[in-house]
Amino acid sequence: MTKILAALLLAFGLALPALADNFSADQKGEIESIVKAYLLEHPEVIRDAIVALDAKEKKDAAQAQANSLNDSAKAIMHSDVDGVVGNPKGDVTMVEFMDYNCGWCKKGIKEVQTLVQSDKNVRIVMKEFPIFGHTSEYAAKAALASVKQGKYWELHQALFVATLPRDNDAAGEAAVEKIAKSVGIDVAKMKDDMKTPAIIDAIAANVDLAQKLQFTGTPGFIIDNKVYPGYIPLDEMTAGLASVRANGGCKVC
C-alpha cells in the first residue's frame, strides 16, 4: 500500500464520524480496525501527513499574502496621507508598518536612517500601525498630522529617540506634544489636524492592511512585491532593493 493510499485511508478514517449514518456498526468497526492497524505498523504516515499539511498551509498563506499585496498595492504604496522619507520619486519603494513604542522598530530606525543616507534613490513609506495602546495611537496621529507641516521625518525620528509613557494617557499625549514642539511643529494646528477623518481613516486602513498581509506585530516591511514580517537588518534591506533593481524594477511599487 502506498503512502498516498495510506494518507487517504487516514483521512477517510478521520471522516468516519461524519459518515456514520452510511455504515453499519460492524462495517465501521472493521474500517477503524484496518486504519488503526495500518497506522500502528506505519506511524510515519502521520508525520508525513502533518508535514504535508504544514507545507500546504504555508503555501496557502503565502499566496493569500501575495494576493493581498497585489490587490492593495496602491493603498499600501501610494496613500496621500502616509509619511514618505528618502526620495519621493525613488525608483524602488520600501514600506514599513511600525509603532513608536515598538522595541524592534526603535532598533530598525537606525537601519532606516542609514539607508536614507546611503541610497539616494529609495522611497520609503511609513505606515502608522499603532498596536501598543493610546500613546502609540496618539503619536501615530500626530505623525500623520505633521505631514501637512512638512515635518514628518523630523518628528518620526524624534519620537523613536524618546521613551513614551505607556500607562498614563495624559502623560503620553503631553510627551508627544512636547516632542512635536521641539522639532518646530505648530502643535495647535497639529492637534486640529489629528482629528480629521483622513487621519483617523488612514490608521484604521493601515490596521486592516496589516491584517491582510498577516503582520501579527511590528515592524513589518515590504520591498516592492516581497513581504518581510518582523525586523530586518540593513544588509537585508539593501539586498532586497538591489534584487528589485537587478530584475527590471518595481512590480507593484
Protein backbone atom coordinates (compact mmCIF):
# COMPACT_ATOMS: atom_id res chain seq x y z
CA MET A 1 0.00 0.00 0.00
CA THR A 2 1.47 3.38 -0.99
CA LYS A 3 1.79 6.31 1.37
CA ILE A 4 -0.70 8.24 -0.74
CA LEU A 5 -3.26 5.47 -0.27
CA ALA A 6 -2.42 5.32 3.41
CA ALA A 7 -2.95 9.07 3.74
CA LEU A 8 -6.31 8.74 2.03
CA LEU A 9 -7.19 5.91 4.36
CA LEU A 10 -6.20 8.09 7.30
CA ALA A 11 -8.37 10.92 6.04
CA PHE A 12 -11.22 8.50 5.47
CA GLY A 13 -10.81 7.13 8.95
CA LEU A 14 -10.91 10.62 10.47
CA ALA A 15 -14.06 11.32 8.45
CA LEU A 16 -15.88 8.30 9.79
CA PRO A 17 -17.84 10.20 12.44
CA ALA A 18 -19.37 12.36 9.72
CA LEU A 19 -20.21 9.26 7.65
CA ALA A 20 -21.57 7.17 10.48
CA ASP A 21 -25.05 7.01 9.03
CA ASN A 22 -23.72 5.35 5.86
CA PHE A 23 -22.19 2.30 7.56
CA SER A 24 -23.36 -0.39 9.88
CA ALA A 25 -21.70 -0.73 13.26
CA ASP A 26 -19.83 -3.81 12.04
CA GLN A 27 -18.59 -2.00 8.90
CA LYS A 28 -17.44 0.98 10.93
CA GLY A 29 -15.60 -1.23 13.35
CA GLU A 30 -13.87 -3.15 10.56
CA ILE A 31 -12.72 0.03 8.78
CA GLU A 32 -11.49 1.55 12.03
CA SER A 33 -9.54 -1.61 12.79
CA ILE A 34 -7.89 -1.53 9.35
CA VAL A 35 -6.91 2.13 9.76
CA LYS A 36 -5.62 1.61 13.28
CA ALA A 37 -3.60 -1.45 12.32
CA TYR A 38 -2.01 0.29 9.36
CA LEU A 39 -1.08 3.38 11.39
CA LEU A 40 0.43 1.26 14.14
CA GLU A 41 2.53 -0.52 11.54
CA HIS A 42 3.39 2.68 9.63
CA PRO A 43 3.30 5.59 12.13
CA GLU A 44 5.47 7.67 9.78
CA VAL A 45 2.34 8.24 7.69
CA ILE A 46 1.02 10.57 10.39
CA ARG A 47 4.29 12.52 10.40
CA ASP A 48 4.24 12.77 6.61
CA ALA A 49 0.64 13.95 6.64
CA ILE A 50 1.45 16.64 9.22
CA VAL A 51 4.47 17.81 7.21
CA ALA A 52 2.37 17.94 4.04
CA LEU A 53 -0.39 19.85 5.82
CA ASP A 54 2.11 22.35 7.24
CA ALA A 55 3.61 22.90 3.79
CA LYS A 56 0.17 23.40 2.27
CA GLU A 57 -0.85 25.89 4.94
CA LYS A 58 2.35 27.88 4.44
CA LYS A 59 1.89 27.87 0.67
CA ASP A 60 -1.74 28.98 1.00
CA ALA A 61 -0.76 31.73 3.47
CA ALA A 62 1.99 33.00 1.16
CA GLN A 63 -0.43 33.07 -1.76
CA ALA A 64 -3.05 34.92 0.28
CA GLN A 65 -0.38 37.41 1.35
CA ALA A 66 0.72 37.96 -2.25
CA ASN A 67 -2.89 38.40 -3.37
CA SER A 68 -3.48 41.00 -0.64
CA LEU A 69 -0.35 42.90 -1.63
CA ASN A 70 -1.31 42.94 -5.32
CA ASP A 71 -4.93 43.90 -4.59
CA SER A 72 -3.97 46.69 -2.17
CA ALA A 73 -0.73 47.91 -3.78
CA LYS A 74 -1.97 51.45 -4.34
CA ALA A 75 -3.25 51.85 -0.79
CA ILE A 76 -0.01 50.42 0.60
CA MET A 77 2.46 52.26 -1.61
CA HIS A 78 0.72 55.49 -2.58
CA SER A 79 -1.61 56.76 0.12
CA ASP A 80 -1.84 60.55 0.19
CA VAL A 81 -1.79 60.54 3.99
CA ASP A 82 1.27 58.42 4.86
CA GLY A 83 4.65 59.88 5.69
CA VAL A 84 7.25 59.36 2.96
CA VAL A 85 11.00 59.67 3.56
CA GLY A 86 14.03 59.30 1.35
CA ASN A 87 13.49 60.20 -2.30
CA PRO A 88 9.76 60.79 -3.01
CA LYS A 89 10.48 59.91 -6.65
CA GLY A 90 12.79 56.98 -5.92
CA ASP A 91 12.94 54.01 -8.26
CA VAL A 92 12.08 51.40 -5.59
CA THR A 93 9.67 51.69 -2.66
CA MET A 94 10.15 50.12 0.74
CA VAL A 95 7.25 50.16 3.21
CA GLU A 96 7.44 49.82 6.98
CA PHE A 97 4.49 49.14 9.29
CA MET A 98 5.58 50.50 12.66
CA ASP A 99 4.69 51.64 16.17
CA TYR A 100 6.62 54.26 18.18
CA ASN A 101 6.54 52.07 21.30
CA CYS A 102 7.90 49.00 19.49
CA GLY A 103 11.38 47.96 20.63
CA TRP A 104 12.31 46.34 17.32
CA CYS A 105 11.07 49.43 15.46
CA LYS A 106 13.38 51.54 17.65
CA LYS A 107 16.24 49.28 16.62
CA GLY A 108 15.13 49.46 12.99
CA ILE A 109 15.06 53.27 12.81
CA LYS A 110 18.86 53.27 12.82
CA GLU A 111 18.84 50.98 9.79
CA VAL A 112 16.33 53.20 8.00
CA GLN A 113 18.32 56.35 8.80
CA THR A 114 21.46 54.78 7.35
CA LEU A 115 19.53 53.63 4.28
CA VAL A 116 18.19 57.13 3.63
CA GLN A 117 21.73 58.48 3.78
CA SER A 118 23.34 55.78 1.66
CA ASP A 119 20.69 55.18 -1.02
CA LYS A 120 19.56 58.42 -2.63
CA ASN A 121 17.09 56.65 -4.90
CA VAL A 122 14.95 54.76 -2.38
CA ARG A 123 11.43 55.84 -1.46
CA ILE A 124 10.29 54.77 1.99
CA VAL A 125 6.63 54.78 3.04
CA MET A 126 5.87 54.71 6.76
CA LYS A 127 2.61 53.01 7.65
CA GLU A 128 1.48 54.08 11.11
CA PHE A 129 0.33 50.85 12.79
CA PRO A 130 -0.21 51.64 16.50
CA ILE A 131 -0.71 48.43 18.47
CA PHE A 132 0.64 49.36 21.91
CA GLY A 133 -2.19 51.44 23.29
CA HIS A 134 -3.36 55.03 23.49
CA THR A 135 0.01 56.79 23.43
CA SER A 136 1.05 54.84 20.34
CA GLU A 137 -2.17 55.84 18.60
CA TYR A 138 -1.80 59.47 19.65
CA ALA A 139 1.79 59.52 18.36
CA ALA A 140 0.68 57.93 15.09
CA LYS A 141 -2.00 60.59 14.56
CA ALA A 142 0.49 63.33 15.41
CA ALA A 143 2.99 61.91 12.92
CA LEU A 144 0.40 61.85 10.14
CA ALA A 145 -0.66 65.39 11.02
CA SER A 146 2.97 66.51 10.82
CA VAL A 147 3.00 65.59 7.11
CA LYS A 148 0.91 68.71 6.45
CA GLN A 149 3.64 70.84 8.04
CA GLY A 150 6.49 69.13 6.17
CA LYS A 151 7.92 67.81 9.45
CA TYR A 152 7.19 64.10 9.28
CA TRP A 153 10.76 62.78 9.15
CA GLU A 154 11.87 65.11 11.95
CA LEU A 155 9.02 64.04 14.24
CA HIS A 156 9.31 60.37 13.26
CA GLN A 157 12.95 60.23 14.33
CA ALA A 158 12.39 62.26 17.49
CA LEU A 159 9.53 60.03 18.64
CA PHE A 160 11.77 56.98 18.37
CA VAL A 161 14.55 58.64 20.39
CA ALA A 162 12.11 59.31 23.23
CA THR A 163 10.66 56.85 25.71
CA LEU A 164 6.93 57.46 25.60
CA PRO A 165 4.78 56.78 28.69
CA ARG A 166 2.52 53.79 28.04
CA ASP A 167 0.48 53.58 31.23
CA ASN A 168 -0.69 57.19 31.50
CA ASP A 169 -2.69 58.60 28.59
CA ALA A 170 -2.36 62.24 29.63
CA ALA A 171 1.39 61.95 30.17
CA GLY A 172 1.73 60.19 26.83
CA GLU A 173 -0.12 62.91 24.96
CA ALA A 174 1.90 65.63 26.69
CA ALA A 175 5.15 63.86 25.79
CA VAL A 176 4.18 63.60 22.11
CA GLU A 177 3.20 67.28 22.01
CA LYS A 178 6.46 68.33 23.68
CA ILE A 179 8.47 66.36 21.13
CA ALA A 180 6.46 67.83 18.27
CA LYS A 181 7.12 71.36 19.53
CA SER A 182 10.84 70.60 19.84
CA VAL A 183 11.12 69.86 16.10
CA GLY A 184 9.32 73.05 15.09
CA ILE A 185 5.75 71.83 14.69
CA ASP A 186 2.77 74.11 15.32
CA VAL A 187 1.19 71.92 18.00
CA ALA A 188 -2.22 73.63 17.98
CA LYS A 189 -2.55 73.05 14.24
CA MET A 190 -1.26 69.52 14.62
CA LYS A 191 -3.91 68.73 17.22
CA ASP A 192 -6.64 70.07 14.96
CA ASP A 193 -5.36 68.05 12.01
CA MET A 194 -5.18 64.90 14.13
CA LYS A 195 -8.98 64.97 14.40
CA THR A 196 -9.62 64.97 10.66
CA PRO A 197 -11.36 61.93 9.13
CA ALA A 198 -8.49 61.42 6.68
CA ILE A 199 -6.03 60.71 9.50
CA ILE A 200 -8.42 58.61 11.58
CA ASP A 201 -9.38 56.59 8.49
CA ALA A 202 -5.73 56.16 7.45
CA ILE A 203 -4.82 54.45 10.71
CA ALA A 204 -7.87 52.19 10.51
CA ALA A 205 -6.92 51.34 6.91
CA ASN A 206 -3.35 50.53 7.97
CA VAL A 207 -4.61 48.15 10.64
CA ASP A 208 -6.80 46.44 8.05
CA LEU A 209 -3.91 46.20 5.57
CA ALA A 210 -1.59 44.77 8.23
CA GLN A 211 -4.11 42.05 9.00
CA LYS A 212 -4.50 41.18 5.32
CA LEU A 213 -0.72 40.99 4.99
CA GLN A 214 -0.62 38.72 8.07
CA PHE A 215 1.52 41.07 10.15
CA THR A 216 0.96 39.94 13.72
CA GLY A 217 3.18 42.65 15.22
CA THR A 218 5.62 45.40 14.38
CA PRO A 219 7.69 46.08 12.46
CA GLY A 220 6.71 44.63 9.10
CA PHE A 221 8.43 45.53 5.84
CA ILE A 222 7.60 45.36 2.15
CA ILE A 223 10.13 45.88 -0.62
CA ASP A 224 8.22 46.07 -3.90
CA ASN A 225 6.33 42.74 -4.04
CA LYS A 226 8.15 40.91 -1.24
CA VAL A 227 6.85 40.89 2.32
CA TYR A 228 9.16 40.70 5.34
CA PRO A 229 7.34 40.09 8.64
CA GLY A 230 9.41 41.37 11.55
CA TYR A 231 12.68 43.25 11.86
CA ILE A 232 15.18 43.11 9.01
CA PRO A 233 18.77 44.41 9.21
CA LEU A 234 20.27 46.96 6.83
CA ASP A 235 22.03 44.38 4.68
CA GLU A 236 18.72 42.61 4.03
CA MET A 237 17.09 45.92 3.10
CA THR A 238 19.86 46.79 0.65
CA ALA A 239 19.85 43.26 -0.80
CA GLY A 240 16.09 43.45 -1.32
CA LEU A 241 16.35 46.80 -3.08
CA ALA A 242 19.25 45.58 -5.22
CA SER A 243 17.27 42.50 -6.24
CA VAL A 244 14.32 44.61 -7.41
CA ARG A 245 16.62 46.84 -9.47
CA ALA A 246 18.50 43.90 -10.94
CA ASN A 247 15.27 42.22 -12.03
CA GLY A 248 13.74 45.02 -14.04
CA GLY A 249 12.49 47.35 -11.32
CA CYS A 250 9.21 47.57 -9.42
CA LYS A 251 6.44 45.07 -9.97
CA VAL A 252 3.88 46.73 -7.69
CA CYS A 253 5.62 49.81 -6.25
